[in-house]
């Protein structure tokens, strides 16, 4: 999960750049803990794509890179939308 946390941190920082980095990491760690299995599944689902990129000497990354970024962004949106929904219901 630490790798996923570090990987999604630029998105977290872009959403709230007024709070300190340590506090942002801690709060995002707490928010994302229910999504550990989903994060691991996302990483494992791309293993085949990364192997393909190795076999094509990186040329496949022209297509895989944007797809990987989009998948991470959608996961981040899912994590933050659940948080916003619980804040508005309180």
PDB file of N, CA and C in Angstrom:
ATOM      1  N   UNK A   1       0.817  -1.189   0.000  1.00  0.00           N
ATOM      2  CA  UNK A   1       0.000   0.000   0.000  1.00  0.00           C
ATOM      3  C   UNK A   1       0.862   1.255   0.000  1.00  0.00           C
ATOM      4  N   UNK A   2       2.039   1.174   0.563  1.00  0.00           N
ATOM      5  CA  UNK A   2       2.905   2.342   0.614  1.00  0.00           C
ATOM      6  C   UNK A   2       3.250   2.820  -0.781  1.00  0.00           C
ATOM      7  N   UNK A   3       3.497   1.885  -1.686  1.00  0.00           N
ATOM      8  CA  UNK A   3       3.801   2.262  -3.057  1.00  0.00           C
ATOM      9  C   UNK A   3       2.621   2.989  -3.690  1.00  0.00           C
ATOM     10  N   UNK A   4       1.430   2.488  -3.467  1.00  0.00           N
ATOM     11  CA  UNK A   4       0.236   3.135  -4.013  1.00  0.00           C
ATOM     12  C   UNK A   4       0.044   4.519  -3.403  1.00  0.00           C
ATOM     13  N   UNK A   5       0.345   4.632  -2.126  1.00  0.00           N
ATOM     14  CA  UNK A   5       0.212   5.924  -1.458  1.00  0.00           C
ATOM     15  C   UNK A   5       1.164   6.938  -2.062  1.00  0.00           C
ATOM     16  N   UNK A   6       2.389   6.523  -2.284  1.00  0.00           N
ATOM     17  CA  UNK A   6       3.379   7.416  -2.880  1.00  0.00           C
ATOM     18  C   UNK A   6       3.001   7.732  -4.317  1.00  0.00           C
ATOM     19  N   UNK A   7       2.450   6.756  -5.009  1.00  0.00           N
ATOM     20  CA  UNK A   7       2.074   6.934  -6.400  1.00  0.00           C
ATOM     21  C   UNK A   7       0.907   7.910  -6.554  1.00  0.00           C
ATOM     22  N   UNK A   8      -0.021   7.904  -5.610  1.00  0.00           N
ATOM     23  CA  UNK A   8      -1.179   8.794  -5.681  1.00  0.00           C
ATOM     24  C   UNK A   8      -0.941  10.137  -4.984  1.00  0.00           C
ATOM     25  N   UNK A   9       0.207  10.302  -4.336  1.00  0.00           N
ATOM     26  CA  UNK A   9       0.442  11.516  -3.562  1.00  0.00           C
ATOM     27  C   UNK A   9       0.415  12.802  -4.391  1.00  0.00           C
ATOM     28  N   UNK A  10       0.904  12.833  -5.629  1.00  0.00           N
ATOM     29  CA  UNK A  10       0.779  14.081  -6.403  1.00  0.00           C
ATOM     30  C   UNK A  10      -0.676  14.542  -6.561  1.00  0.00           C
ATOM     31  N   UNK A  11      -1.592  13.604  -6.688  1.00  0.00           N
ATOM     32  CA  UNK A  11      -3.011  13.967  -6.777  1.00  0.00           C
ATOM     33  C   UNK A  11      -3.505  14.529  -5.456  1.00  0.00           C
ATOM     34  N   UNK A  12      -3.067  13.925  -4.357  1.00  0.00           N
ATOM     35  CA  UNK A  12      -3.458  14.411  -3.031  1.00  0.00           C
ATOM     36  C   UNK A  12      -2.920  15.809  -2.816  1.00  0.00           C
ATOM     37  N   UNK A  13      -1.681  16.020  -3.186  1.00  0.00           N
ATOM     38  CA  UNK A  13      -1.044  17.325  -3.011  1.00  0.00           C
ATOM     39  C   UNK A  13      -1.699  18.381  -3.893  1.00  0.00           C
ATOM     40  N   UNK A  14      -2.131  18.006  -5.080  1.00  0.00           N
ATOM     41  CA  UNK A  14      -2.791  18.957  -5.974  1.00  0.00           C
ATOM     42  C   UNK A  14      -4.148  19.384  -5.431  1.00  0.00           C
ATOM     43  N   UNK A  15      -4.839  18.483  -4.742  1.00  0.00           N
ATOM     44  CA  UNK A  15      -6.141  18.823  -4.178  1.00  0.00           C
ATOM     45  C   UNK A  15      -6.035  19.786  -3.002  1.00  0.00           C
ATOM     46  N   UNK A  16      -5.020  19.617  -2.178  1.00  0.00           N
ATOM     47  CA  UNK A  16      -4.889  20.452  -0.987  1.00  0.00           C
ATOM     48  C   UNK A  16      -3.418  20.743  -0.752  1.00  0.00           C
ATOM     49  N   UNK A  17      -2.934  21.857  -1.282  1.00  0.00           N
ATOM     50  CA  UNK A  17      -1.523  22.178  -1.116  1.00  0.00           C
ATOM     51  C   UNK A  17      -1.271  23.142   0.043  1.00  0.00           C
ATOM     52  N   UNK A  18      -2.294  23.453   0.827  1.00  0.00           N
ATOM     53  CA  UNK A  18      -2.115  24.344   1.971  1.00  0.00           C
ATOM     54  C   UNK A  18      -1.718  23.574   3.230  1.00  0.00           C
ATOM     55  N   UNK A  19      -2.120  22.319   3.312  1.00  0.00           N
ATOM     56  CA  UNK A  19      -1.791  21.484   4.459  1.00  0.00           C
ATOM     57  C   UNK A  19      -0.386  20.930   4.285  1.00  0.00           C
ATOM     58  N   UNK A  20       0.291  20.646   5.367  1.00  0.00           N
ATOM     59  CA  UNK A  20       1.639  20.089   5.295  1.00  0.00           C
ATOM     60  C   UNK A  20       1.656  18.708   4.674  1.00  0.00           C
ATOM     61  N   UNK A  21       2.779  18.349   4.095  1.00  0.00           N
ATOM     62  CA  UNK A  21       2.893  17.064   3.398  1.00  0.00           C
ATOM     63  C   UNK A  21       2.706  15.890   4.354  1.00  0.00           C
ATOM     64  N   UNK A  22       3.234  15.997   5.549  1.00  0.00           N
ATOM     65  CA  UNK A  22       3.100  14.898   6.510  1.00  0.00           C
ATOM     66  C   UNK A  22       1.651  14.686   6.899  1.00  0.00           C
ATOM     67  N   UNK A  23       0.938  15.772   7.150  1.00  0.00           N
ATOM     68  CA  UNK A  23      -0.482  15.661   7.500  1.00  0.00           C
ATOM     69  C   UNK A  23      -1.296  15.116   6.336  1.00  0.00           C
ATOM     70  N   UNK A  24      -0.963  15.543   5.124  1.00  0.00           N
ATOM     71  CA  UNK A  24      -1.668  15.027   3.946  1.00  0.00           C
ATOM     72  C   UNK A  24      -1.437  13.529   3.784  1.00  0.00           C
ATOM     73  N   UNK A  25      -0.200  13.098   3.946  1.00  0.00           N
ATOM     74  CA  UNK A  25       0.091  11.671   3.834  1.00  0.00           C
ATOM     75  C   UNK A  25      -0.664  10.872   4.888  1.00  0.00           C
ATOM     76  N   UNK A  26      -0.665  11.366   6.111  1.00  0.00           N
ATOM     77  CA  UNK A  26      -1.342  10.656   7.195  1.00  0.00           C
ATOM     78  C   UNK A  26      -2.844  10.570   6.937  1.00  0.00           C
ATOM     79  N   UNK A  27      -3.457  11.677   6.525  1.00  0.00           N
ATOM     80  CA  UNK A  27      -4.905  11.659   6.308  1.00  0.00           C
ATOM     81  C   UNK A  27      -5.274  10.799   5.096  1.00  0.00           C
ATOM     82  N   UNK A  28      -4.461  10.851   4.038  1.00  0.00           N
ATOM     83  CA  UNK A  28      -4.765  10.025   2.877  1.00  0.00           C
ATOM     84  C   UNK A  28      -4.551   8.551   3.190  1.00  0.00           C
ATOM     85  N   UNK A  29      -3.572   8.238   4.029  1.00  0.00           N
ATOM     86  CA  UNK A  29      -3.340   6.857   4.451  1.00  0.00           C
ATOM     87  C   UNK A  29      -4.590   6.314   5.137  1.00  0.00           C
ATOM     88  N   UNK A  30      -5.183   7.127   6.011  1.00  0.00           N
ATOM     89  CA  UNK A  30      -6.392   6.708   6.724  1.00  0.00           C
ATOM     90  C   UNK A  30      -7.576   6.552   5.771  1.00  0.00           C
ATOM     91  N   UNK A  31      -7.706   7.480   4.819  1.00  0.00           N
ATOM     92  CA  UNK A  31      -8.821   7.410   3.864  1.00  0.00           C
ATOM     93  C   UNK A  31      -8.702   6.210   2.938  1.00  0.00           C
ATOM     94  N   UNK A  32      -7.475   5.897   2.549  1.00  0.00           N
ATOM     95  CA  UNK A  32      -7.292   4.865   1.529  1.00  0.00           C
ATOM     96  C   UNK A  32      -7.162   3.463   2.101  1.00  0.00           C
ATOM     97  N   UNK A  33      -7.119   3.317   3.404  1.00  0.00           N
ATOM     98  CA  UNK A  33      -6.925   1.979   3.971  1.00  0.00           C
ATOM     99  C   UNK A  33      -8.029   0.982   3.582  1.00  0.00           C
ATOM    100  N   UNK A  34      -9.299   1.381   3.442  1.00  0.00           N
ATOM    101  CA  UNK A  34     -10.288   0.392   2.976  1.00  0.00           C
ATOM    102  C   UNK A  34     -10.086  -0.028   1.516  1.00  0.00           C
ATOM    103  N   UNK A  35      -9.262   0.695   0.787  1.00  0.00           N
ATOM    104  CA  UNK A  35      -9.056   0.424  -0.638  1.00  0.00           C
ATOM    105  C   UNK A  35      -7.770  -0.336  -0.915  1.00  0.00           C
ATOM    106  N   UNK A  36      -7.161  -0.912   0.122  1.00  0.00           N
ATOM    107  CA  UNK A  36      -5.897  -1.631  -0.061  1.00  0.00           C
ATOM    108  C   UNK A  36      -6.013  -2.727  -1.102  1.00  0.00           C
ATOM    109  N   UNK A  37      -7.039  -3.539  -1.000  1.00  0.00           N
ATOM    110  CA  UNK A  37      -7.202  -4.651  -1.939  1.00  0.00           C
ATOM    111  C   UNK A  37      -7.429  -4.139  -3.358  1.00  0.00           C
ATOM    112  N   UNK A  38      -8.162  -3.061  -3.480  1.00  0.00           N
ATOM    113  CA  UNK A  38      -8.417  -2.487  -4.797  1.00  0.00           C
ATOM    114  C   UNK A  38      -7.121  -1.929  -5.412  1.00  0.00           C
ATOM    115  N   UNK A  39      -6.285  -1.303  -4.585  1.00  0.00           N
ATOM    116  CA  UNK A  39      -5.005  -0.784  -5.073  1.00  0.00           C
ATOM    117  C   UNK A  39      -4.095  -1.916  -5.522  1.00  0.00           C
ATOM    118  N   UNK A  40      -4.036  -2.985  -4.726  1.00  0.00           N
ATOM    119  CA  UNK A  40      -3.206  -4.131  -5.086  1.00  0.00           C
ATOM    120  C   UNK A  40      -3.717  -4.761  -6.385  1.00  0.00           C
ATOM    121  N   UNK A  41      -5.026  -4.854  -6.519  1.00  0.00           N
ATOM    122  CA  UNK A  41      -5.620  -5.412  -7.730  1.00  0.00           C
ATOM    123  C   UNK A  41      -5.279  -4.555  -8.949  1.00  0.00           C
ATOM    124  N   UNK A  42      -5.285  -3.246  -8.782  1.00  0.00           N
ATOM    125  CA  UNK A  42      -4.934  -2.350  -9.887  1.00  0.00           C
ATOM    126  C   UNK A  42      -3.493  -2.580 -10.325  1.00  0.00           C
ATOM    127  N   UNK A  43      -2.586  -2.651  -9.357  1.00  0.00           N
ATOM    128  CA  UNK A  43      -1.185  -2.881  -9.698  1.00  0.00           C
ATOM    129  C   UNK A  43      -0.984  -4.238 -10.369  1.00  0.00           C
ATOM    130  N   UNK A  44      -1.631  -5.267  -9.846  1.00  0.00           N
ATOM    131  CA  UNK A  44      -1.470  -6.597 -10.430  1.00  0.00           C
ATOM    132  C   UNK A  44      -2.088  -6.697 -11.824  1.00  0.00           C
ATOM    133  N   UNK A  45      -3.136  -5.924 -12.069  1.00  0.00           N
ATOM    134  CA  UNK A  45      -3.768  -5.986 -13.386  1.00  0.00           C
ATOM    135  C   UNK A  45      -2.891  -5.374 -14.477  1.00  0.00           C
ATOM    136  N   UNK A  46      -1.907  -4.577 -14.094  1.00  0.00           N
ATOM    137  CA  UNK A  46      -1.030  -3.951 -15.078  1.00  0.00           C
ATOM    138  C   UNK A  46       0.281  -4.695 -15.281  1.00  0.00           C
ATOM    139  N   UNK A  47       0.505  -5.783 -14.566  1.00  0.00           N
ATOM    140  CA  UNK A  47       1.760  -6.530 -14.706  1.00  0.00           C
ATOM    141  C   UNK A  47       1.946  -7.002 -16.144  1.00  0.00           C
ATOM    142  N   UNK A  48       0.901  -7.524 -16.747  1.00  0.00           N
ATOM    143  CA  UNK A  48       0.989  -7.973 -18.140  1.00  0.00           C
ATOM    144  C   UNK A  48       1.329  -6.844 -19.096  1.00  0.00           C
ATOM    145  N   UNK A  49       0.760  -5.682 -18.852  1.00  0.00           N
ATOM    146  CA  UNK A  49       1.052  -4.526 -19.698  1.00  0.00           C
ATOM    147  C   UNK A  49       2.516  -4.108 -19.568  1.00  0.00           C
ATOM    148  N   UNK A  50       3.045  -4.144 -18.334  1.00  0.00           N
ATOM    149  CA  UNK A  50       4.443  -3.767 -18.129  1.00  0.00           C
ATOM    150  C   UNK A  50       5.385  -4.773 -18.781  1.00  0.00           C
ATOM    151  N   UNK A  51       5.018  -6.048 -18.741  1.00  0.00           N
ATOM    152  CA  UNK A  51       5.822  -7.061 -19.425  1.00  0.00           C
ATOM    153  C   UNK A  51       5.807  -6.807 -20.925  1.00  0.00           C
ATOM    154  N   UNK A  52       4.649  -6.464 -21.457  1.00  0.00           N
ATOM    155  CA  UNK A  52       4.556  -6.116 -22.878  1.00  0.00           C
ATOM    156  C   UNK A  52       5.448  -4.928 -23.197  1.00  0.00           C
ATOM    157  N   UNK A  53       5.491  -3.947 -22.311  1.00  0.00           N
ATOM    158  CA  UNK A  53       6.346  -2.776 -22.531  1.00  0.00           C
ATOM    159  C   UNK A  53       7.816  -3.174 -22.553  1.00  0.00           C
ATOM    160  N   UNK A  54       8.190  -4.119 -21.722  1.00  0.00           N
ATOM    161  CA  UNK A  54       9.580  -4.581 -21.725  1.00  0.00           C
ATOM    162  C   UNK A  54       9.916  -5.262 -23.046  1.00  0.00           C
ATOM    163  N   UNK A  55       9.011  -6.113 -23.527  1.00  0.00           N
ATOM    164  CA  UNK A  55       9.260  -6.819 -24.778  1.00  0.00           C
ATOM    165  C   UNK A  55       9.297  -5.890 -25.988  1.00  0.00           C
ATOM    166  N   UNK A  56       8.608  -4.777 -25.912  1.00  0.00           N
ATOM    167  CA  UNK A  56       8.606  -3.838 -27.036  1.00  0.00           C
ATOM    168  C   UNK A  56       9.633  -2.724 -26.844  1.00  0.00           C
ATOM    169  N   UNK A  57      10.530  -2.909 -25.869  1.00  0.00           N
ATOM    170  CA  UNK A  57      11.593  -1.948 -25.568  1.00  0.00           C
ATOM    171  C   UNK A  57      11.039  -0.563 -25.218  1.00  0.00           C
ATOM    172  N   UNK A  58       9.906  -0.541 -24.571  1.00  0.00           N
ATOM    173  CA  UNK A  58       9.328   0.704 -24.082  1.00  0.00           C
ATOM    174  C   UNK A  58       8.380   1.399 -25.043  1.00  0.00           C
ATOM    175  N   UNK A  59       8.283   0.916 -26.248  1.00  0.00           N
ATOM    176  CA  UNK A  59       7.413   1.574 -27.228  1.00  0.00           C
ATOM    177  C   UNK A  59       5.950   1.475 -26.804  1.00  0.00           C
ATOM    178  N   UNK A  60       5.573   0.364 -26.195  1.00  0.00           N
ATOM    179  CA  UNK A  60       4.187   0.182 -25.756  1.00  0.00           C
ATOM    180  C   UNK A  60       3.805   1.171 -24.663  1.00  0.00           C
ATOM    181  N   UNK A  61       4.787   1.769 -23.995  1.00  0.00           N
ATOM    182  CA  UNK A  61       4.484   2.748 -22.938  1.00  0.00           C
ATOM    183  C   UNK A  61       3.782   3.984 -23.495  1.00  0.00           C
ATOM    184  N   UNK A  62       3.865   4.204 -24.797  1.00  0.00           N
ATOM    185  CA  UNK A  62       3.119   5.313 -25.404  1.00  0.00           C
ATOM    186  C   UNK A  62       1.623   5.125 -25.202  1.00  0.00           C
ATOM    187  N   UNK A  63       1.173   3.879 -25.143  1.00  0.00           N
ATOM    188  CA  UNK A  63      -0.237   3.589 -24.932  1.00  0.00           C
ATOM    189  C   UNK A  63      -0.535   3.219 -23.475  1.00  0.00           C
ATOM    190  N   UNK A  64       0.395   2.520 -22.849  1.00  0.00           N
ATOM    191  CA  UNK A  64       0.176   2.049 -21.482  1.00  0.00           C
ATOM    192  C   UNK A  64       0.256   3.196 -20.480  1.00  0.00           C
ATOM    193  N   UNK A  65       1.152   4.134 -20.682  1.00  0.00           N
ATOM    194  CA  UNK A  65       1.345   5.247 -19.745  1.00  0.00           C
ATOM    195  C   UNK A  65       0.074   6.058 -19.489  1.00  0.00           C
ATOM    196  N   UNK A  66      -0.586   6.540 -20.543  1.00  0.00           N
ATOM    197  CA  UNK A  66      -1.829   7.282 -20.303  1.00  0.00           C
ATOM    198  C   UNK A  66      -2.934   6.429 -19.674  1.00  0.00           C
ATOM    199  N   UNK A  67      -2.994   5.164 -20.053  1.00  0.00           N
ATOM    200  CA  UNK A  67      -3.993   4.258 -19.482  1.00  0.00           C
ATOM    201  C   UNK A  67      -3.724   4.048 -17.995  1.00  0.00           C
ATOM    202  N   UNK A  68      -2.463   3.890 -17.624  1.00  0.00           N
ATOM    203  CA  UNK A  68      -2.069   3.719 -16.229  1.00  0.00           C
ATOM    204  C   UNK A  68      -2.402   4.980 -15.423  1.00  0.00           C
ATOM    205  N   UNK A  69      -2.114   6.149 -15.979  1.00  0.00           N
ATOM    206  CA  UNK A  69      -2.426   7.404 -15.294  1.00  0.00           C
ATOM    207  C   UNK A  69      -3.928   7.570 -15.096  1.00  0.00           C
ATOM    208  N   UNK A  70      -4.685   7.223 -16.110  1.00  0.00           N
ATOM    209  CA  UNK A  70      -6.138   7.324 -16.016  1.00  0.00           C
ATOM    210  C   UNK A  70      -6.695   6.379 -14.953  1.00  0.00           C
ATOM    211  N   UNK A  71      -6.170   5.161 -14.904  1.00  0.00           N
ATOM    212  CA  UNK A  71      -6.646   4.179 -13.919  1.00  0.00           C
ATOM    213  C   UNK A  71      -6.351   4.661 -12.501  1.00  0.00           C
ATOM    214  N   UNK A  72      -5.163   5.217 -12.278  1.00  0.00           N
ATOM    215  CA  UNK A  72      -4.822   5.741 -10.950  1.00  0.00           C
ATOM    216  C   UNK A  72      -5.704   6.929 -10.597  1.00  0.00           C
ATOM    217  N   UNK A  73      -5.999   7.773 -11.569  1.00  0.00           N
ATOM    218  CA  UNK A  73      -6.847   8.927 -11.319  1.00  0.00           C
ATOM    219  C   UNK A  73      -8.257   8.504 -10.946  1.00  0.00           C
ATOM    220  N   UNK A  74      -8.784   7.496 -11.620  1.00  0.00           N
ATOM    221  CA  UNK A  74     -10.116   7.010 -11.296  1.00  0.00           C
ATOM    222  C   UNK A  74     -10.165   6.401  -9.901  1.00  0.00           C
ATOM    223  N   UNK A  75      -9.121   5.699  -9.510  1.00  0.00           N
ATOM    224  CA  UNK A  75      -9.063   5.152  -8.159  1.00  0.00           C
ATOM    225  C   UNK A  75      -9.010   6.280  -7.131  1.00  0.00           C
ATOM    226  N   UNK A  76      -8.228   7.298  -7.415  1.00  0.00           N
ATOM    227  CA  UNK A  76      -8.147   8.444  -6.503  1.00  0.00           C
ATOM    228  C   UNK A  76      -9.499   9.149  -6.391  1.00  0.00           C
ATOM    229  N   UNK A  77     -10.181   9.304  -7.522  1.00  0.00           N
ATOM    230  CA  UNK A  77     -11.510   9.924  -7.492  1.00  0.00           C
ATOM    231  C   UNK A  77     -12.478   9.106  -6.653  1.00  0.00           C
ATOM    232  N   UNK A  78     -12.392   7.790  -6.771  1.00  0.00           N
ATOM    233  CA  UNK A  78     -13.274   6.921  -5.989  1.00  0.00           C
ATOM    234  C   UNK A  78     -12.993   7.068  -4.494  1.00  0.00           C
ATOM    235  N   UNK A  79     -11.733   7.116  -4.122  1.00  0.00           N
ATOM    236  CA  UNK A  79     -11.371   7.263  -2.715  1.00  0.00           C
ATOM    237  C   UNK A  79     -11.861   8.593  -2.173  1.00  0.00           C
ATOM    238  N   UNK A  80     -11.634   9.672  -2.913  1.00  0.00           N
ATOM    239  CA  UNK A  80     -12.016  10.996  -2.413  1.00  0.00           C
ATOM    240  C   UNK A  80     -13.518  11.236  -2.504  1.00  0.00           C
ATOM    241  N   UNK A  81     -14.205  10.612  -3.453  1.00  0.00           N
ATOM    242  CA  UNK A  81     -15.651  10.831  -3.541  1.00  0.00           C
ATOM    243  C   UNK A  81     -16.368  10.179  -2.368  1.00  0.00           C
ATOM    244  N   UNK A  82     -15.891   9.044  -1.904  1.00  0.00           N
ATOM    245  CA  UNK A  82     -16.487   8.408  -0.723  1.00  0.00           C
ATOM    246  C   UNK A  82     -16.305   9.289   0.499  1.00  0.00           C
ATOM    247  N   UNK A  83     -15.146   9.924   0.597  1.00  0.00           N
ATOM    248  CA  UNK A  83     -14.879  10.809   1.731  1.00  0.00           C
ATOM    249  C   UNK A  83     -15.792  12.030   1.686  1.00  0.00           C
ATOM    250  N   UNK A  84     -15.957  12.619   0.511  1.00  0.00           N
ATOM    251  CA  UNK A  84     -16.811  13.804   0.381  1.00  0.00           C
ATOM    252  C   UNK A  84     -18.267  13.462   0.658  1.00  0.00           C
ATOM    253  N   UNK A  85     -18.687  12.256   0.257  1.00  0.00           N
ATOM    254  CA  UNK A  85     -20.067  11.840   0.505  1.00  0.00           C
ATOM    255  C   UNK A  85     -20.321  11.679   1.993  1.00  0.00           C
ATOM    256  N   UNK A  86     -19.362  11.165   2.734  1.00  0.00           N
ATOM    257  CA  UNK A  86     -19.554  11.018   4.176  1.00  0.00           C
ATOM    258  C   UNK A  86     -19.488  12.359   4.882  1.00  0.00           C
ATOM    259  N   UNK A  87     -18.713  13.308   4.368  1.00  0.00           N
ATOM    260  CA  UNK A  87     -18.640  14.642   4.992  1.00  0.00           C
ATOM    261  C   UNK A  87     -19.949  15.396   4.814  1.00  0.00           C
ATOM    262  N   UNK A  88     -20.577  15.265   3.646  1.00  0.00           N
ATOM    263  CA  UNK A  88     -21.813  16.000   3.394  1.00  0.00           C
ATOM    264  C   UNK A  88     -22.999  15.389   4.133  1.00  0.00           C
ATOM    265  N   UNK A  89     -22.943  14.080   4.416  1.00  0.00           N
ATOM    266  CA  UNK A  89     -24.062  13.445   5.117  1.00  0.00           C
ATOM    267  C   UNK A  89     -24.028  13.724   6.613  1.00  0.00           C
ATOM    268  N   UNK A  90     -22.892  14.167   7.142  1.00  0.00           N
ATOM    269  CA  UNK A  90     -22.801  14.450   8.583  1.00  0.00           C
ATOM    270  C   UNK A  90     -23.349  15.787   8.947  1.00  0.00           C
TER     271      UNK A  90
END
